[in-house]
PDB file of N, CA and C in Angstrom:
ATOM      1  N   TYR A   1      11.647 -12.396 -12.871  1.00  0.00           N
ATOM      2  CA  TYR A   1      12.736 -11.889 -13.668  1.00  0.00           C
ATOM      3  C   TYR A   1      12.826 -12.643 -14.990  1.00  0.00           C
ATOM      4  N   ALA A   2      12.910 -13.954 -14.918  1.00  0.00           N
ATOM      5  CA  ALA A   2      13.060 -14.766 -16.130  1.00  0.00           C
ATOM      6  C   ALA A   2      11.848 -14.625 -17.052  1.00  0.00           C
ATOM      7  N   MET A   3      10.657 -14.572 -16.472  1.00  0.00           N
ATOM      8  CA  MET A   3       9.444 -14.439 -17.273  1.00  0.00           C
ATOM      9  C   MET A   3       9.428 -13.094 -18.003  1.00  0.00           C
ATOM     10  N   VAL A   4       9.821 -12.031 -17.333  1.00  0.00           N
ATOM     11  CA  VAL A   4       9.864 -10.704 -17.953  1.00  0.00           C
ATOM     12  C   VAL A   4      10.905 -10.684 -19.065  1.00  0.00           C
ATOM     13  N   LYS A   5      12.094 -11.227 -18.806  1.00  0.00           N
ATOM     14  CA  LYS A   5      13.159 -11.258 -19.820  1.00  0.00           C
ATOM     15  C   LYS A   5      12.727 -12.058 -21.050  1.00  0.00           C
ATOM     16  N   ALA A   6      12.128 -13.234 -20.841  1.00  0.00           N
ATOM     17  CA  ALA A   6      11.703 -14.075 -21.959  1.00  0.00           C
ATOM     18  C   ALA A   6      10.604 -13.399 -22.781  1.00  0.00           C
ATOM     19  N   ALA A   7       9.633 -12.808 -22.117  1.00  0.00           N
ATOM     20  CA  ALA A   7       8.550 -12.130 -22.832  1.00  0.00           C
ATOM     21  C   ALA A   7       9.077 -10.933 -23.614  1.00  0.00           C
ATOM     22  N   ALA A   8      10.034 -10.221 -23.050  1.00  0.00           N
ATOM     23  CA  ALA A   8      10.624  -9.075 -23.748  1.00  0.00           C
ATOM     24  C   ALA A   8      11.415  -9.531 -24.970  1.00  0.00           C
ATOM     25  N   GLN A   9      12.146 -10.630 -24.844  1.00  0.00           N
ATOM     26  CA  GLN A   9      12.916 -11.147 -25.982  1.00  0.00           C
ATOM     27  C   GLN A   9      12.007 -11.576 -27.127  1.00  0.00           C
ATOM     28  N   ASN A  10      10.813 -12.053 -26.798  1.00  0.00           N
ATOM     29  CA  ASN A  10       9.855 -12.449 -27.828  1.00  0.00           C
ATOM     30  C   ASN A  10       9.055 -11.273 -28.368  1.00  0.00           C
ATOM     31  N   GLY A  11       9.272 -10.082 -27.807  1.00  0.00           N
ATOM     32  CA  GLY A  11       8.583  -8.896 -28.279  1.00  0.00           C
ATOM     33  C   GLY A  11       7.155  -8.769 -27.782  1.00  0.00           C
ATOM     34  N   TRP A  12       6.799  -9.531 -26.754  1.00  0.00           N
ATOM     35  CA  TRP A  12       5.434  -9.519 -26.245  1.00  0.00           C
ATOM     36  C   TRP A  12       5.176  -8.363 -25.303  1.00  0.00           C
ATOM     37  N   ILE A  13       6.222  -7.862 -24.639  1.00  0.00           N
ATOM     38  CA  ILE A  13       6.063  -6.780 -23.667  1.00  0.00           C
ATOM     39  C   ILE A  13       7.198  -5.779 -23.817  1.00  0.00           C
ATOM     40  N   ASP A  14       7.013  -4.614 -23.242  1.00  0.00           N
ATOM     41  CA  ASP A  14       8.060  -3.602 -23.134  1.00  0.00           C
ATOM     42  C   ASP A  14       8.745  -3.823 -21.782  1.00  0.00           C
ATOM     43  N   GLU A  15       9.953  -4.371 -21.818  1.00  0.00           N
ATOM     44  CA  GLU A  15      10.649  -4.748 -20.582  1.00  0.00           C
ATOM     45  C   GLU A  15      10.792  -3.589 -19.611  1.00  0.00           C
ATOM     46  N   LYS A  16      11.169  -2.427 -20.107  1.00  0.00           N
ATOM     47  CA  LYS A  16      11.373  -1.275 -19.224  1.00  0.00           C
ATOM     48  C   LYS A  16      10.070  -0.884 -18.525  1.00  0.00           C
ATOM     49  N   ALA A  17       9.001  -0.766 -19.278  1.00  0.00           N
ATOM     50  CA  ALA A  17       7.715  -0.358 -18.699  1.00  0.00           C
ATOM     51  C   ALA A  17       7.208  -1.376 -17.682  1.00  0.00           C
ATOM     52  N   ILE A  18       7.299  -2.645 -18.014  1.00  0.00           N
ATOM     53  CA  ILE A  18       6.812  -3.693 -17.108  1.00  0.00           C
ATOM     54  C   ILE A  18       7.646  -3.740 -15.840  1.00  0.00           C
ATOM     55  N   THR A  19       8.963  -3.683 -15.982  1.00  0.00           N
ATOM     56  CA  THR A  19       9.848  -3.749 -14.814  1.00  0.00           C
ATOM     57  C   THR A  19       9.609  -2.570 -13.883  1.00  0.00           C
ATOM     58  N   LEU A  20       9.506  -1.375 -14.437  1.00  0.00           N
ATOM     59  CA  LEU A  20       9.256  -0.203 -13.601  1.00  0.00           C
ATOM     60  C   LEU A  20       7.892  -0.291 -12.919  1.00  0.00           C
ATOM     61  N   GLU A  21       6.899  -0.843 -13.601  1.00  0.00           N
ATOM     62  CA  GLU A  21       5.575  -1.019 -12.994  1.00  0.00           C
ATOM     63  C   GLU A  21       5.624  -2.034 -11.857  1.00  0.00           C
ATOM     64  N   ILE A  22       6.339  -3.123 -12.051  1.00  0.00           N
ATOM     65  CA  ILE A  22       6.479  -4.138 -10.998  1.00  0.00           C
ATOM     66  C   ILE A  22       7.132  -3.523  -9.764  1.00  0.00           C
ATOM     67  N   LEU A  23       8.230  -2.815  -9.964  1.00  0.00           N
ATOM     68  CA  LEU A  23       8.952  -2.239  -8.830  1.00  0.00           C
ATOM     69  C   LEU A  23       8.144  -1.127  -8.158  1.00  0.00           C
ATOM     70  N   THR A  24       7.415  -0.346  -8.948  1.00  0.00           N
ATOM     71  CA  THR A  24       6.559   0.698  -8.384  1.00  0.00           C
ATOM     72  C   THR A  24       5.452   0.089  -7.530  1.00  0.00           C
ATOM     73  N   SER A  25       4.879  -1.001  -8.001  1.00  0.00           N
ATOM     74  CA  SER A  25       3.804  -1.637  -7.230  1.00  0.00           C
ATOM     75  C   SER A  25       4.328  -2.241  -5.932  1.00  0.00           C
ATOM     76  N   ILE A  26       5.543  -2.771  -5.949  1.00  0.00           N
ATOM     77  CA  ILE A  26       6.147  -3.290  -4.715  1.00  0.00           C
ATOM     78  C   ILE A  26       6.352  -2.150  -3.722  1.00  0.00           C
ATOM     79  N   LYS A  27       6.834  -1.017  -4.202  1.00  0.00           N
ATOM     80  CA  LYS A  27       7.042   0.145  -3.337  1.00  0.00           C
ATOM     81  C   LYS A  27       5.715   0.651  -2.786  1.00  0.00           C
ATOM     82  N   ARG A  28       4.691   0.727  -3.642  1.00  0.00           N
ATOM     83  CA  ARG A  28       3.372   1.175  -3.202  1.00  0.00           C
ATOM     84  C   ARG A  28       2.774   0.253  -2.147  1.00  0.00           C
ATOM     85  N   ALA A  29       3.154  -1.012  -2.199  1.00  0.00           N
ATOM     86  CA  ALA A  29       2.641  -1.986  -1.230  1.00  0.00           C
ATOM     87  C   ALA A  29       3.302  -1.839   0.133  1.00  0.00           C
ATOM     88  N   GLY A  30       4.303  -0.952   0.227  1.00  0.00           N
ATOM     89  CA  GLY A  30       4.885  -0.659   1.523  1.00  0.00           C
ATOM     90  C   GLY A  30       6.315  -1.109   1.742  1.00  0.00           C
ATOM     91  N   ALA A  31       6.971  -1.594   0.705  1.00  0.00           N
ATOM     92  CA  ALA A  31       8.349  -2.059   0.868  1.00  0.00           C
ATOM     93  C   ALA A  31       9.287  -0.892   1.176  1.00  0.00           C
ATOM     94  N   ASP A  32      10.169  -1.096   2.133  1.00  0.00           N
ATOM     95  CA  ASP A  32      11.201  -0.106   2.442  1.00  0.00           C
ATOM     96  C   ASP A  32      12.465  -0.361   1.632  1.00  0.00           C
ATOM     97  N   LEU A  33      12.639  -1.599   1.179  1.00  0.00           N
ATOM     98  CA  LEU A  33      13.834  -2.006   0.442  1.00  0.00           C
ATOM     99  C   LEU A  33      13.421  -3.020  -0.609  1.00  0.00           C
ATOM    100  N   ILE A  34      13.954  -2.865  -1.816  1.00  0.00           N
ATOM    101  CA  ILE A  34      13.646  -3.810  -2.887  1.00  0.00           C
ATOM    102  C   ILE A  34      14.966  -4.360  -3.416  1.00  0.00           C
ATOM    103  N   LEU A  35      15.138  -5.664  -3.307  1.00  0.00           N
ATOM    104  CA  LEU A  35      16.299  -6.349  -3.875  1.00  0.00           C
ATOM    105  C   LEU A  35      15.820  -7.086  -5.116  1.00  0.00           C
ATOM    106  N   THR A  36      16.484  -6.853  -6.259  1.00  0.00           N
ATOM    107  CA  THR A  36      15.999  -7.434  -7.505  1.00  0.00           C
ATOM    108  C   THR A  36      17.139  -7.691  -8.483  1.00  0.00           C
ATOM    109  N   TYR A  37      16.945  -8.708  -9.312  1.00  0.00           N
ATOM    110  CA  TYR A  37      17.887  -8.971 -10.393  1.00  0.00           C
ATOM    111  C   TYR A  37      17.838  -7.848 -11.433  1.00  0.00           C
ATOM    112  N   HIS A  38      16.793  -7.063 -11.439  1.00  0.00           N
ATOM    113  CA  HIS A  38      16.636  -5.962 -12.392  1.00  0.00           C
ATOM    114  C   HIS A  38      17.439  -4.718 -11.998  1.00  0.00           C
ATOM    115  N   ALA A  39      18.139  -4.744 -10.889  1.00  0.00           N
ATOM    116  CA  ALA A  39      18.774  -3.542 -10.332  1.00  0.00           C
ATOM    117  C   ALA A  39      19.686  -2.822 -11.323  1.00  0.00           C
ATOM    118  N   LYS A  40      20.552  -3.543 -12.010  1.00  0.00           N
ATOM    119  CA  LYS A  40      21.481  -2.883 -12.946  1.00  0.00           C
ATOM    120  C   LYS A  40      20.734  -2.236 -14.110  1.00  0.00           C
ATOM    121  N   ASP A  41      19.734  -2.929 -14.643  1.00  0.00           N
ATOM    122  CA  ASP A  41      18.949  -2.365 -15.745  1.00  0.00           C
ATOM    123  C   ASP A  41      18.212  -1.107 -15.301  1.00  0.00           C
ATOM    124  N   VAL A  42      17.574  -1.166 -14.147  1.00  0.00           N
ATOM    125  CA  VAL A  42      16.812  -0.018 -13.638  1.00  0.00           C
ATOM    126  C   VAL A  42      17.739   1.160 -13.364  1.00  0.00           C
ATOM    127  N   ALA A  43      18.902   0.904 -12.800  1.00  0.00           N
ATOM    128  CA  ALA A  43      19.864   1.981 -12.544  1.00  0.00           C
ATOM    129  C   ALA A  43      20.272   2.652 -13.854  1.00  0.00           C
ATOM    130  N   ARG A  44      20.474   1.867 -14.895  1.00  0.00           N
ATOM    131  CA  ARG A  44      20.844   2.421 -16.204  1.00  0.00           C
ATOM    132  C   ARG A  44      19.686   3.229 -16.791  1.00  0.00           C
ATOM    133  N   TRP A  45      18.461   2.713 -16.682  1.00  0.00           N
ATOM    134  CA  TRP A  45      17.300   3.418 -17.237  1.00  0.00           C
ATOM    135  C   TRP A  45      17.037   4.732 -16.526  1.00  0.00           C
ATOM    136  N   LEU A  46      17.275   4.778 -15.225  1.00  0.00           N
ATOM    137  CA  LEU A  46      16.955   5.973 -14.444  1.00  0.00           C
ATOM    138  C   LEU A  46      18.079   7.001 -14.402  1.00  0.00           C
ATOM    139  N   SER A  47      19.246   6.641 -14.905  1.00  0.00           N
ATOM    140  CA  SER A  47      20.373   7.593 -14.859  1.00  0.00           C
ATOM    141  C   SER A  47      20.327   8.592 -15.991  1.00  0.00           C
TER     142      SER A  47
END
């Protein structure tokens, strides 16, 4: 979480794209439930 936020603040990455890719890969790996500090941001992006 902190690494993604810091890199996004420095303009090195697209926070939304990276976060969605991270969560998608966790789901693809077989997770039934994902708990993350990114939850509020993702909920806002997907609404």
